Amino acid sequence: MTTAPLSTVTLGDEFARTLPEMALPWQADVAAAPELLVLNGALAAEFGLDPGWLRGPEGVRLLVGNLVPEGAAPVAQAYAGHQFGGYSPRLGDGRALLLGELVHADGLPRDLHLKGSGRTPFSRGGDGLAAVGPMLREYVVSEAMHALGIPTTRSLAVVATGTPVHRDGPLPGAVLARVASSHLRVGSFQYAAATGDVDLLRRLADHAIARHHPDAGAAELRHLALFEAVVADQAALVARWMLVGFVHGVMNTDNMTISGETIDYGPCAFMEAFDPATVYSSIDHQGRYAYGNQPAMAEWNLARLAEAMLPLFADDQERAVELAVQALGEFRRQYNDAWTAGMRAKLGLPDSLDPAATAPLVDDLLTLLRDNHVDHTSFHRRLAAAARGDAEPARELVLDLAGIDGWLDRWRALGPDAEAMDRVNPVYVPRNHLVEEALAAATGGDLEPFRRLLDAVSAPFDERPGLDRYAEPAPRDFGSTYQTFCGT
């Protein structure tokens, strides 16, 4: 793979050219004293970018949007969205900027996108800036999700800007550079639909087909096929979240991608004690986006996408609604199939096993975990030891010994595969107390705890000596009312 200095770095402008009505030309704020905090060198190399050059002055200026290749056309993207159920017709990149598209080693384009790069006309009174802590949170959690095999935007770098950001008090400012298959969202379609311009809506849909779902382009009803593909991808994605205990925290329609990637790691967290009612976000006062609500909220968001796309499904509105309802009706089946298959894998059970045998087993286990406040990640990882004959590591996490002993007897009678379990049940996830520890240290100038955490979660299935604390739940004094924040 060749590397390239700035003079030969190419940033495409496909989004800006194809959808100028949704692309506002803009420039990043000038960073006063940019300093690279963390760089994903392996990811950079996948785009033919020289990590050594990116660490230098020109590369760092590229990563904050202050030096872009000739011909690049940075834009703030327009989109709408339902935020906690309330519709906002004009959201857009209020503190973000699409620098352009890079070509990945697989030959496909990826967006190079900034967060915290300054005010835009979409900022709605905000300062458009970001602090070091939230940007490092997105870096470590998105890279952990990638290592877990969950589709996600990727973090390329975090650069300190040298400019303070004022929240409850002054904090060091930073810009996150991330890459994504695209930043097309349900909210993008809501924005296009709200303009009343069906041609714009059609061009947006055709752009999404070309970028993400080319097979839909060959269908008789290509835009309906696009919607069906998004439904399928989101069903699989949310099932994967649920299987690892990930709580997104802010599943607004502007945070649901058309590509099926996880996006916008604001008030996110990994659930510790299993409880479907778990909420971490400080702004989710009603529990709308609680862990257990995530499948239903994904389906709700997809219904909003269907509404936006109705003019593309059929000329007759009744027929369009009928087609949309039919397509959306597949979500629950697809989600249940993905989640059930994932739970079988977590329990080391073969796909060929009769669902009538596995469903009660899974239901009873989840009840035990909830009623006994059992740590989700630790229990499933320790369960492999029980499959090998040593039940005590998993058993000791459960207060109801009679209940767990009875369940273990039923489960082991089915012959679980311990090796297969180890391949899907992680040892390490970004534990909330360790994330907070790392971000607090980094805000104070010490990046070593962040680097250690990143190293652990980048190989989540491989148990390694010296990393015991990264596999343990938070201590009791961490608190049962832990909250996460958007960082805006």
Protein backbone atom coordinates (compact mmCIF):
# COMPACT_ATOMS: atom_id res chain seq x y z
CA MET A 1 0.00 0.00 0.00
CA THR A 2 1.38 3.41 -0.94
CA THR A 3 1.57 6.31 1.47
CA ALA A 4 0.89 9.90 0.55
CA PRO A 5 1.98 13.37 1.66
CA LEU A 6 -0.70 16.08 1.70
CA SER A 7 0.03 16.99 -1.92
CA THR A 8 -1.31 13.62 -3.03
CA VAL A 9 -3.97 12.97 -0.35
CA THR A 10 -7.28 12.91 -2.17
CA LEU A 11 -10.55 13.83 -0.50
CA GLY A 12 -13.60 13.27 -2.65
CA ASP A 13 -16.64 15.54 -2.58
CA GLU A 14 -19.31 13.09 -3.71
CA PHE A 15 -21.85 14.05 -1.04
CA ALA A 16 -21.39 17.77 -1.65
CA ARG A 17 -21.74 17.36 -5.43
CA THR A 18 -24.65 14.93 -5.36
CA LEU A 19 -26.71 16.67 -2.69
CA PRO A 20 -25.72 20.36 -2.62
CA GLU A 21 -29.04 21.24 -0.97
CA MET A 22 -27.88 19.29 2.07
CA ALA A 23 -24.23 20.39 2.08
CA LEU A 24 -23.23 23.80 3.40
CA PRO A 25 -19.62 24.72 2.48
CA TRP A 26 -17.80 25.52 5.70
CA GLN A 27 -14.40 25.62 7.37
CA ALA A 28 -13.14 24.37 10.69
CA ASP A 29 -12.10 26.85 13.35
CA VAL A 30 -8.36 27.41 13.51
CA ALA A 31 -6.88 25.39 16.37
CA ALA A 32 -4.70 27.64 18.50
CA ALA A 33 -2.08 25.03 19.39
CA PRO A 34 -3.01 21.60 17.98
CA GLU A 35 -1.41 18.64 19.74
CA LEU A 36 -2.00 15.04 18.75
CA LEU A 37 -3.26 12.99 21.69
CA VAL A 38 -3.95 9.64 20.03
CA LEU A 39 -3.69 8.32 16.47
CA ASN A 40 -5.05 5.08 15.06
CA GLY A 41 -2.04 4.24 12.95
CA ALA A 42 -3.37 0.91 11.71
CA LEU A 43 -6.59 2.53 10.51
CA ALA A 44 -4.66 5.35 8.83
CA ALA A 45 -2.62 2.81 6.89
CA GLU A 46 -5.84 1.25 5.53
CA PHE A 47 -6.35 4.52 3.63
CA GLY A 48 -2.77 4.77 2.42
CA LEU A 49 -2.05 7.54 4.93
CA ASP A 50 1.41 7.57 6.48
CA PRO A 51 1.02 7.50 10.30
CA GLY A 52 4.39 9.19 10.67
CA TRP A 53 3.27 12.07 8.47
CA LEU A 54 -0.05 12.37 10.33
CA ARG A 55 1.89 12.78 13.57
CA GLY A 56 3.79 15.70 12.06
CA PRO A 57 2.68 19.35 11.82
CA GLU A 58 0.92 19.05 8.45
CA GLY A 59 -0.83 15.82 9.42
CA VAL A 60 -2.09 17.25 12.70
CA ARG A 61 -3.43 20.30 10.89
CA LEU A 62 -5.27 17.99 8.48
CA LEU A 63 -6.80 16.15 11.44
CA VAL A 64 -8.34 19.37 12.78
CA GLY A 65 -9.44 20.58 9.34
CA ASN A 66 -6.98 23.47 9.14
CA LEU A 67 -5.04 22.08 6.20
CA VAL A 68 -6.91 20.15 3.53
CA PRO A 69 -5.81 18.94 0.11
CA GLU A 70 -6.40 21.08 -2.93
CA GLY A 71 -9.84 20.37 -4.37
CA ALA A 72 -11.36 19.28 -1.05
CA ALA A 73 -14.77 20.74 -0.25
CA PRO A 74 -15.52 20.54 3.50
CA VAL A 75 -19.22 20.85 4.30
CA ALA A 76 -21.59 20.85 7.24
CA GLN A 77 -24.34 18.34 6.51
CA ALA A 78 -28.02 19.18 6.91
CA TYR A 79 -30.42 16.74 8.52
CA ALA A 80 -33.54 16.76 10.68
CA GLY A 81 -34.57 14.36 13.42
CA HIS A 82 -36.74 13.27 16.28
CA GLN A 83 -34.90 13.95 19.52
CA PHE A 84 -36.46 12.07 22.44
CA GLY A 85 -39.64 11.87 20.37
CA GLY A 86 -39.84 15.56 19.48
CA TYR A 87 -39.31 16.53 15.85
CA SER A 88 -36.71 19.14 14.92
CA PRO A 89 -36.83 20.10 11.23
CA ARG A 90 -33.32 21.54 11.10
CA LEU A 91 -30.51 19.95 13.06
CA GLY A 92 -27.39 19.36 10.99
CA ASP A 93 -23.71 19.37 11.87
CA GLY A 94 -23.66 21.89 14.68
CA ARG A 95 -20.10 21.11 15.74
CA ALA A 96 -18.97 18.82 12.97
CA LEU A 97 -17.61 18.93 9.46
CA LEU A 98 -17.37 16.44 6.59
CA LEU A 99 -13.90 17.00 5.14
CA GLY A 100 -14.57 14.60 2.27
CA GLU A 101 -14.30 10.98 1.25
CA LEU A 102 -11.22 8.77 1.44
CA VAL A 103 -10.83 5.50 -0.45
CA HIS A 104 -10.27 2.49 1.78
CA ALA A 105 -8.05 -0.45 0.93
CA ASP A 106 -11.20 -2.37 0.00
CA GLY A 107 -11.81 0.14 -2.80
CA LEU A 108 -14.88 1.67 -1.16
CA PRO A 109 -15.23 5.26 0.04
CA ARG A 110 -15.34 6.35 3.67
CA ASP A 111 -16.21 9.75 5.11
CA LEU A 112 -13.49 11.68 6.94
CA HIS A 113 -15.45 13.65 9.49
CA LEU A 114 -14.59 15.97 12.37
CA LYS A 115 -16.34 16.57 15.69
CA GLY A 116 -15.63 19.65 17.79
CA SER A 117 -14.34 21.69 14.85
CA GLY A 118 -16.30 24.85 15.68
CA ARG A 119 -19.59 26.61 15.12
CA THR A 120 -21.61 26.20 11.94
CA PRO A 121 -24.95 27.71 10.90
CA PHE A 122 -26.52 24.57 12.44
CA SER A 123 -25.08 25.22 15.91
CA ARG A 124 -28.33 26.61 17.35
CA GLY A 125 -26.60 28.69 20.01
CA GLY A 126 -23.91 26.14 20.84
CA ASP A 127 -20.20 26.88 20.64
CA GLY A 128 -19.48 24.04 18.22
CA LEU A 129 -16.57 22.83 20.33
CA ALA A 130 -15.78 19.61 22.17
CA ALA A 131 -13.70 18.72 25.20
CA VAL A 132 -10.91 16.16 25.44
CA GLY A 133 -12.93 13.75 27.62
CA PRO A 134 -15.96 13.17 25.37
CA MET A 135 -13.81 12.87 22.26
CA LEU A 136 -11.60 10.25 23.90
CA ARG A 137 -14.76 8.47 25.07
CA GLU A 138 -15.91 8.13 21.47
CA TYR A 139 -12.44 6.98 20.46
CA VAL A 140 -12.16 4.17 23.01
CA VAL A 141 -15.78 2.99 22.86
CA SER A 142 -15.99 2.98 19.05
CA GLU A 143 -12.73 1.07 18.79
CA ALA A 144 -13.97 -1.39 21.42
CA MET A 145 -17.15 -1.88 19.40
CA HIS A 146 -15.09 -2.54 16.28
CA ALA A 147 -13.01 -5.11 18.14
CA LEU A 148 -16.24 -6.79 19.31
CA GLY A 149 -17.28 -7.15 15.66
CA ILE A 150 -20.10 -4.61 15.84
CA PRO A 151 -20.51 -2.27 12.83
CA THR A 152 -19.41 1.21 13.87
CA THR A 153 -17.83 4.44 12.84
CA ARG A 154 -14.08 4.32 13.54
CA SER A 155 -11.88 6.76 15.36
CA LEU A 156 -8.81 7.98 13.51
CA ALA A 157 -7.41 10.57 15.92
CA VAL A 158 -8.07 12.97 18.76
CA VAL A 159 -6.22 16.28 18.67
CA ALA A 160 -6.15 18.79 21.51
CA THR A 161 -6.82 22.27 20.13
CA GLY A 162 -5.15 24.42 22.76
CA THR A 163 -8.44 26.30 23.21
CA PRO A 164 -10.46 25.90 26.43
CA VAL A 165 -14.07 24.75 26.24
CA HIS A 166 -16.45 26.11 28.85
CA ARG A 167 -19.01 23.71 30.30
CA ASP A 168 -19.53 23.64 34.06
CA GLY A 169 -15.99 24.98 34.10
CA PRO A 170 -13.11 25.34 31.64
CA LEU A 171 -11.96 22.11 29.97
CA PRO A 172 -9.25 21.43 27.39
CA GLY A 173 -10.72 21.44 23.88
CA ALA A 174 -10.28 18.70 21.29
CA VAL A 175 -11.32 17.55 17.84
CA LEU A 176 -12.13 13.96 16.96
CA ALA A 177 -11.39 12.76 13.43
CA ARG A 178 -13.46 9.71 12.55
CA VAL A 179 -14.23 7.65 9.48
CA ALA A 180 -17.56 6.11 8.53
CA SER A 181 -19.14 4.34 5.60
CA SER A 182 -21.14 7.55 5.42
CA HIS A 183 -23.02 9.95 7.68
CA LEU A 184 -26.38 9.41 6.01
CA ARG A 185 -29.02 9.09 8.71
CA VAL A 186 -32.73 8.59 9.11
CA GLY A 187 -32.69 12.32 9.82
CA SER A 188 -31.17 12.96 6.39
CA PHE A 189 -34.26 11.49 4.79
CA GLN A 190 -36.53 13.40 7.16
CA TYR A 191 -34.82 16.63 6.11
CA ALA A 192 -35.15 15.89 2.40
CA ALA A 193 -38.79 14.87 2.80
CA ALA A 194 -39.59 18.05 4.74
CA THR A 195 -38.43 20.20 1.82
CA GLY A 196 -41.22 18.76 -0.31
CA ASP A 197 -38.69 18.23 -3.09
CA VAL A 198 -39.27 14.65 -4.25
CA ASP A 199 -36.35 14.91 -6.66
CA LEU A 200 -34.01 15.67 -3.73
CA LEU A 201 -35.46 12.75 -1.77
CA ARG A 202 -34.96 10.47 -4.78
CA ARG A 203 -31.36 11.60 -5.31
CA LEU A 204 -30.65 11.01 -1.63
CA ALA A 205 -32.11 7.51 -1.82
CA ASP A 206 -30.17 6.72 -5.00
CA HIS A 207 -26.99 8.00 -3.36
CA ALA A 208 -27.64 5.71 -0.36
CA ILE A 209 -28.21 2.74 -2.68
CA ALA A 210 -24.98 3.38 -4.55
CA ARG A 211 -23.00 3.92 -1.36
CA HIS A 212 -24.39 1.18 0.89
CA HIS A 213 -26.91 -1.16 -0.68
CA PRO A 214 -26.09 -1.62 -4.38
CA ASP A 215 -28.15 -4.83 -4.58
CA ALA A 216 -31.26 -2.72 -3.98
CA GLY A 217 -30.57 -0.90 -7.23
CA ALA A 218 -31.43 -4.02 -9.21
CA ALA A 219 -34.82 -4.49 -7.53
CA GLU A 220 -38.06 -3.63 -9.29
CA LEU A 221 -38.91 -1.24 -6.44
CA ARG A 222 -35.39 -0.10 -5.64
CA HIS A 223 -36.30 2.44 -2.97
CA LEU A 224 -38.45 -0.05 -1.12
CA ALA A 225 -35.55 -2.51 -1.38
CA LEU A 226 -33.31 0.17 0.16
CA PHE A 227 -35.69 0.54 3.08
CA GLU A 228 -35.84 -3.23 3.54
CA ALA A 229 -32.03 -3.37 3.60
CA VAL A 230 -31.83 -0.66 6.28
CA VAL A 231 -34.44 -2.50 8.36
CA ALA A 232 -32.42 -5.71 8.16
CA ASP A 233 -29.13 -4.00 9.01
CA GLN A 234 -30.57 -2.15 11.98
CA ALA A 235 -32.23 -5.31 13.32
CA ALA A 236 -28.86 -7.07 13.24
CA LEU A 237 -27.02 -4.08 14.71
CA VAL A 238 -29.30 -3.56 17.71
CA ALA A 239 -29.29 -7.29 18.43
CA ARG A 240 -25.50 -7.09 18.66
CA TRP A 241 -25.75 -4.13 21.05
CA MET A 242 -28.09 -6.10 23.28
CA LEU A 243 -25.88 -9.18 23.29
CA VAL A 244 -22.88 -7.26 24.69
CA GLY A 245 -24.91 -5.03 27.02
CA PHE A 246 -24.27 -1.80 25.11
CA VAL A 247 -26.56 1.12 25.90
CA HIS A 248 -26.42 3.81 23.20
CA GLY A 249 -28.20 6.39 25.33
CA VAL A 250 -29.45 8.74 22.62
CA MET A 251 -31.18 6.79 19.86
CA ASN A 252 -32.65 9.82 18.12
CA THR A 253 -33.44 9.48 14.42
CA ASP A 254 -30.45 11.66 13.58
CA ASN A 255 -28.27 9.03 15.30
CA MET A 256 -29.45 6.06 13.21
CA THR A 257 -27.37 5.44 10.10
CA ILE A 258 -28.49 4.14 6.72
CA SER A 259 -25.29 2.07 6.58
CA GLY A 260 -26.12 0.08 9.72
CA GLU A 261 -23.13 1.42 11.65
CA THR A 262 -23.24 2.60 15.26
CA ILE A 263 -22.74 6.35 15.39
CA ASP A 264 -22.38 9.16 17.96
CA TYR A 265 -21.02 7.84 21.23
CA GLY A 266 -22.33 10.49 23.57
CA PRO A 267 -24.03 9.24 26.76
CA CYS A 268 -23.25 5.61 25.96
CA ALA A 269 -22.13 2.93 28.40
CA PHE A 270 -21.87 -0.81 28.86
CA MET A 271 -24.37 -2.29 31.28
CA GLU A 272 -22.92 -3.95 34.34
CA ALA A 273 -25.65 -5.51 36.54
CA PHE A 274 -28.18 -6.97 34.12
CA ASP A 275 -31.41 -4.98 34.13
CA PRO A 276 -33.54 -4.09 31.09
CA ALA A 277 -34.43 -0.79 32.77
CA THR A 278 -30.80 0.38 32.83
CA VAL A 279 -30.37 4.04 31.83
CA TYR A 280 -27.10 5.94 31.97
CA SER A 281 -27.82 9.11 30.01
CA SER A 282 -28.23 12.20 32.18
CA ILE A 283 -30.80 13.64 29.76
CA ASP A 284 -32.97 10.52 29.40
CA HIS A 285 -35.24 11.37 32.31
CA GLN A 286 -38.09 9.05 31.22
CA GLY A 287 -35.95 6.05 30.28
CA ARG A 288 -36.94 6.26 26.63
CA TYR A 289 -33.62 4.78 25.53
CA ALA A 290 -33.15 2.29 28.37
CA TYR A 291 -31.24 -0.88 27.50
CA GLY A 292 -34.38 -2.98 27.18
CA ASN A 293 -36.17 -0.37 25.04
CA GLN A 294 -33.55 -0.24 22.31
CA PRO A 295 -35.17 -2.72 19.88
CA ALA A 296 -38.53 -0.94 20.11
CA MET A 297 -36.85 2.46 19.65
CA ALA A 298 -35.01 1.21 16.58
CA GLU A 299 -38.32 0.05 15.12
CA TRP A 300 -39.87 3.46 15.93
CA ASN A 301 -37.02 5.23 14.16
CA LEU A 302 -37.44 3.01 11.12
CA ALA A 303 -41.12 3.90 11.01
CA ARG A 304 -40.05 7.55 10.75
CA LEU A 305 -37.74 6.60 7.86
CA ALA A 306 -40.63 4.85 6.15
CA GLU A 307 -42.79 7.96 6.51
CA ALA A 308 -40.08 10.08 4.92
CA MET A 309 -39.63 7.67 2.02
CA LEU A 310 -43.33 7.08 1.24
CA PRO A 311 -43.32 9.18 -1.98
CA LEU A 312 -40.64 6.84 -3.37
CA PHE A 313 -42.46 3.59 -2.66
CA ALA A 314 -45.53 4.14 -4.87
CA ASP A 315 -47.44 6.98 -6.50
CA ASP A 316 -50.59 5.93 -4.67
CA GLN A 317 -50.21 6.80 -0.98
CA GLU A 318 -52.33 3.93 0.29
CA ARG A 319 -50.21 1.48 -1.68
CA ALA A 320 -47.03 3.17 -0.41
CA VAL A 321 -48.21 2.83 3.20
CA GLU A 322 -49.11 -0.81 2.64
CA LEU A 323 -45.64 -1.57 1.28
CA ALA A 324 -43.97 0.33 4.13
CA VAL A 325 -45.94 -1.46 6.82
CA GLN A 326 -45.15 -4.82 5.27
CA ALA A 327 -41.43 -4.07 5.08
CA LEU A 328 -41.27 -2.64 8.60
CA GLY A 329 -43.13 -5.69 9.87
CA GLU A 330 -40.02 -7.76 9.17
CA PHE A 331 -37.99 -5.90 11.81
CA ARG A 332 -39.18 -7.85 14.83
CA ARG A 333 -38.66 -11.22 13.20
CA GLN A 334 -35.22 -10.24 11.96
CA TYR A 335 -34.23 -8.80 15.33
CA ASN A 336 -35.53 -11.85 17.21
CA ASP A 337 -33.72 -14.20 14.85
CA ALA A 338 -30.44 -12.29 15.26
CA TRP A 339 -30.75 -12.01 19.02
CA THR A 340 -31.76 -15.66 19.46
CA ALA A 341 -28.83 -16.83 17.33
CA GLY A 342 -26.53 -14.57 19.34
CA MET A 343 -27.78 -15.91 22.68
CA ARG A 344 -27.30 -19.48 21.49
CA ALA A 345 -23.71 -18.59 20.60
CA LYS A 346 -23.15 -16.94 23.99
CA LEU A 347 -24.40 -20.11 25.67
CA GLY A 348 -22.36 -22.37 23.39
CA LEU A 349 -25.43 -24.11 21.98
CA PRO A 350 -25.77 -25.29 18.36
CA ASP A 351 -28.10 -23.55 15.93
CA SER A 352 -29.75 -26.89 15.26
CA LEU A 353 -31.17 -27.04 18.78
CA ASP A 354 -34.96 -26.89 18.97
CA PRO A 355 -36.05 -23.31 19.83
CA ALA A 356 -38.62 -24.82 22.16
CA ALA A 357 -35.72 -26.06 24.29
CA THR A 358 -33.59 -22.91 24.20
CA ALA A 359 -36.21 -20.18 24.65
CA PRO A 360 -37.24 -21.13 28.23
CA LEU A 361 -33.60 -21.66 29.14
CA VAL A 362 -32.68 -18.15 27.96
CA ASP A 363 -35.73 -16.57 29.60
CA ASP A 364 -34.99 -18.22 32.93
CA LEU A 365 -31.35 -17.15 32.79
CA LEU A 366 -32.22 -13.51 32.12
CA THR A 367 -34.65 -13.55 35.05
CA LEU A 368 -31.93 -14.93 37.31
CA LEU A 369 -29.43 -12.31 36.15
CA ARG A 370 -31.89 -9.48 36.66
CA ASP A 371 -33.20 -10.61 40.04
CA ASN A 372 -29.68 -11.21 41.37
CA HIS A 373 -28.07 -8.07 39.88
CA VAL A 374 -25.45 -10.17 38.13
CA ASP A 375 -22.73 -8.51 36.06
CA HIS A 376 -23.62 -9.16 32.41
CA THR A 377 -20.13 -9.37 30.91
CA SER A 378 -18.44 -11.33 33.73
CA PHE A 379 -21.16 -13.95 34.00
CA HIS A 380 -21.21 -14.89 30.34
CA ARG A 381 -17.44 -15.08 30.16
CA ARG A 382 -17.20 -17.20 33.31
CA LEU A 383 -19.91 -19.51 32.04
CA ALA A 384 -17.38 -21.12 29.70
CA ALA A 385 -15.57 -22.47 32.77
CA ALA A 386 -18.83 -24.15 33.80
CA ALA A 387 -18.99 -25.78 30.37
CA ARG A 388 -15.52 -27.16 31.11
CA GLY A 389 -16.66 -28.55 34.46
CA ASP A 390 -15.94 -25.73 36.92
CA ALA A 391 -19.20 -23.95 37.71
CA GLU A 392 -17.92 -21.95 40.69
CA PRO A 393 -16.64 -18.81 38.85
CA ALA A 394 -20.11 -18.18 37.37
CA ARG A 395 -22.03 -19.57 40.33
CA GLU A 396 -20.39 -17.21 42.84
CA LEU A 397 -21.89 -14.20 41.04
CA VAL A 398 -25.45 -15.31 41.81
CA LEU A 399 -27.09 -15.06 45.25
CA ASP A 400 -29.85 -17.55 44.40
CA LEU A 401 -27.68 -20.68 44.49
CA ALA A 402 -30.57 -23.10 44.12
CA GLY A 403 -31.81 -21.18 41.11
CA ILE A 404 -28.46 -21.03 39.34
CA ASP A 405 -27.61 -24.65 40.17
CA GLY A 406 -30.86 -25.82 38.63
CA TRP A 407 -30.30 -23.69 35.57
CA LEU A 408 -26.71 -24.90 35.14
CA ASP A 409 -27.83 -28.53 35.26
CA ARG A 410 -30.37 -27.92 32.47
CA TRP A 411 -27.85 -26.00 30.37
CA ARG A 412 -24.95 -28.46 30.73
CA ALA A 413 -27.24 -31.30 29.71
CA LEU A 414 -27.31 -29.67 26.25
CA GLY A 415 -23.54 -30.04 25.80
CA PRO A 416 -22.35 -26.40 25.50
CA ASP A 417 -19.15 -25.69 23.55
CA ALA A 418 -16.78 -23.73 25.80
CA GLU A 419 -14.35 -22.83 23.01
CA ALA A 420 -17.16 -21.35 20.93
CA MET A 421 -18.32 -19.35 23.95
CA ASP A 422 -14.89 -17.81 24.43
CA ARG A 423 -15.01 -16.53 20.86
CA VAL A 424 -18.17 -14.46 21.45
CA ASN A 425 -18.18 -13.55 25.15
CA PRO A 426 -15.65 -10.77 25.80
CA VAL A 427 -13.34 -10.58 28.79
CA TYR A 428 -12.89 -6.83 28.41
CA VAL A 429 -15.36 -4.08 27.59
CA PRO A 430 -14.95 -0.36 28.36
CA ARG A 431 -16.01 -0.59 31.99
CA ASN A 432 -17.64 2.65 33.06
CA HIS A 433 -15.38 3.30 36.05
CA LEU A 434 -12.28 2.64 33.96
CA VAL A 435 -13.51 4.95 31.19
CA GLU A 436 -14.09 7.73 33.71
CA GLU A 437 -10.70 7.11 35.30
CA ALA A 438 -8.97 7.29 31.91
CA LEU A 439 -10.83 10.42 30.79
CA ALA A 440 -10.19 12.26 34.06
CA ALA A 441 -6.48 11.48 33.82
CA ALA A 442 -6.34 12.52 30.16
CA THR A 443 -8.12 15.79 30.92
CA GLY A 444 -5.35 16.43 33.42
CA GLY A 445 -2.68 15.61 30.85
CA ASP A 446 -1.96 11.95 31.65
CA LEU A 447 -2.85 9.64 28.73
CA GLU A 448 -1.36 6.45 30.15
CA PRO A 449 -4.62 5.12 31.74
CA PHE A 450 -6.38 5.77 28.42
CA ARG A 451 -3.74 3.85 26.50
CA ARG A 452 -3.93 0.89 28.88
CA LEU A 453 -7.73 0.76 28.61
CA LEU A 454 -7.58 1.03 24.82
CA ASP A 455 -5.08 -1.82 24.69
CA ALA A 456 -7.36 -4.06 26.77
CA VAL A 457 -10.57 -3.46 24.83
CA SER A 458 -8.86 -3.68 21.44
CA ALA A 459 -8.49 -7.46 21.96
CA PRO A 460 -11.63 -8.15 24.00
CA PHE A 461 -11.77 -11.95 23.71
CA ASP A 462 -8.14 -12.69 24.65
CA GLU A 463 -7.58 -13.04 28.39
CA ARG A 464 -4.15 -11.66 29.22
CA PRO A 465 -2.07 -11.59 32.40
CA GLY A 466 -1.87 -8.30 34.23
CA LEU A 467 -5.26 -7.07 33.01
CA ASP A 468 -7.44 -8.47 35.80
CA ARG A 469 -8.86 -5.09 36.80
CA TYR A 470 -10.11 -4.50 33.25
CA ALA A 471 -12.30 -7.61 33.54
CA GLU A 472 -13.90 -6.67 36.86
CA PRO A 473 -17.10 -4.68 37.47
CA ALA A 474 -16.98 -1.31 39.15
CA PRO A 475 -16.33 -1.30 42.90
CA ARG A 476 -19.33 -0.66 45.11
CA ASP A 477 -18.19 2.87 45.94
CA PHE A 478 -18.38 3.82 42.25
CA GLY A 479 -22.09 4.27 42.80
CA SER A 480 -25.30 2.77 41.47
CA THR A 481 -26.49 6.03 39.90
CA TYR A 482 -23.70 6.43 37.34
CA GLN A 483 -24.57 8.94 34.63
CA THR A 484 -23.08 9.74 31.24
CA PHE A 485 -23.32 13.02 29.37
CA CYS A 486 -23.54 14.14 25.75
CA GLY A 487 -20.46 16.32 26.05
CA THR A 488 -22.01 19.10 23.96
